[in-house]
Protein backbone atom coordinates (compact mmCIF):
# COMPACT_ATOMS: atom_id res chain seq x y z
CA MET A 1 -15.60 -6.23 -6.43
CA ILE A 2 -12.30 -5.98 -4.27
CA VAL A 3 -9.74 -8.31 -5.01
CA TRP A 4 -7.02 -8.04 -2.26
CA LEU A 5 -3.89 -9.24 -2.84
CA ASN A 6 -1.05 -10.67 -0.28
CA GLY A 7 2.21 -12.69 -0.52
CA ALA A 8 5.90 -12.56 0.61
CA PHE A 9 8.27 -9.54 -0.18
CA GLY A 10 9.64 -10.10 -4.04
CA SER A 11 6.59 -12.10 -4.87
CA GLY A 12 4.58 -10.43 -7.66
CA ARG A 13 2.06 -8.66 -6.28
CA LYS A 14 2.43 -5.41 -7.72
CA THR A 15 3.20 -7.06 -11.28
CA LEU A 16 -0.09 -9.06 -10.84
CA ALA A 17 -1.84 -5.85 -9.71
CA ALA A 18 -0.67 -4.16 -12.89
CA VAL A 19 -1.94 -7.07 -15.20
CA LEU A 20 -5.36 -7.21 -13.50
CA CYS A 21 -5.25 -3.39 -14.75
CA ARG A 22 -5.25 -3.60 -17.64
CA THR A 23 -7.84 -6.84 -17.62
CA LEU A 24 -10.40 -5.25 -15.71
CA PRO A 25 -11.80 -2.23 -17.32
CA GLY A 26 -12.59 0.34 -14.42
CA ALA A 27 -9.86 -1.60 -12.25
CA VAL A 28 -7.98 0.77 -9.58
CA VAL A 29 -5.06 -0.25 -7.58
CA ALA A 30 -5.21 1.35 -3.89
CA ASP A 31 -1.45 0.18 -2.45
CA PRO A 32 -1.54 0.93 1.41
CA GLU A 33 2.72 1.40 0.93
CA ALA A 34 1.34 4.65 -0.62
CA ILE A 35 -0.61 5.63 2.19
CA GLY A 36 1.56 4.52 4.76
CA ASP A 37 4.57 7.27 2.99
CA LEU A 38 1.97 9.82 3.42
CA LEU A 39 1.48 9.13 7.12
CA ARG A 40 4.88 8.84 7.44
CA ALA A 41 5.90 12.40 5.25
CA THR A 42 2.87 14.18 7.35
CA LEU A 43 4.09 12.67 11.05
CA ALA A 44 7.40 12.83 10.52
CA HIS A 45 8.01 15.88 13.16
CA HIS A 46 5.20 14.39 15.33
CA ASP A 47 6.74 13.16 18.50
CA LEU A 48 4.61 9.94 17.73
CA ARG A 49 6.64 9.65 14.94
CA PRO A 50 6.74 6.10 13.62
CA ARG A 51 9.85 4.40 12.29
CA ASP A 52 7.93 2.22 10.03
CA TYR A 53 3.92 3.10 9.51
CA GLN A 54 3.24 -0.56 10.54
CA GLU A 55 3.82 0.77 14.22
CA LEU A 56 1.11 3.38 13.90
CA PRO A 57 -2.02 2.17 16.00
CA LEU A 58 -5.08 1.99 14.80
């Protein structure tokens, strides 16, 4: 099962995800922001480096 949490900045998504992880055995949080940070660091010296990882083309 995948539970997708969406909401505005500061709405408590990470807090809710932490509570769900404690409640649901085997649950894992996959935070796309961490992936964006990895891409930003990996592409730091590339010609197509984005200011924001959300600007990366698919």
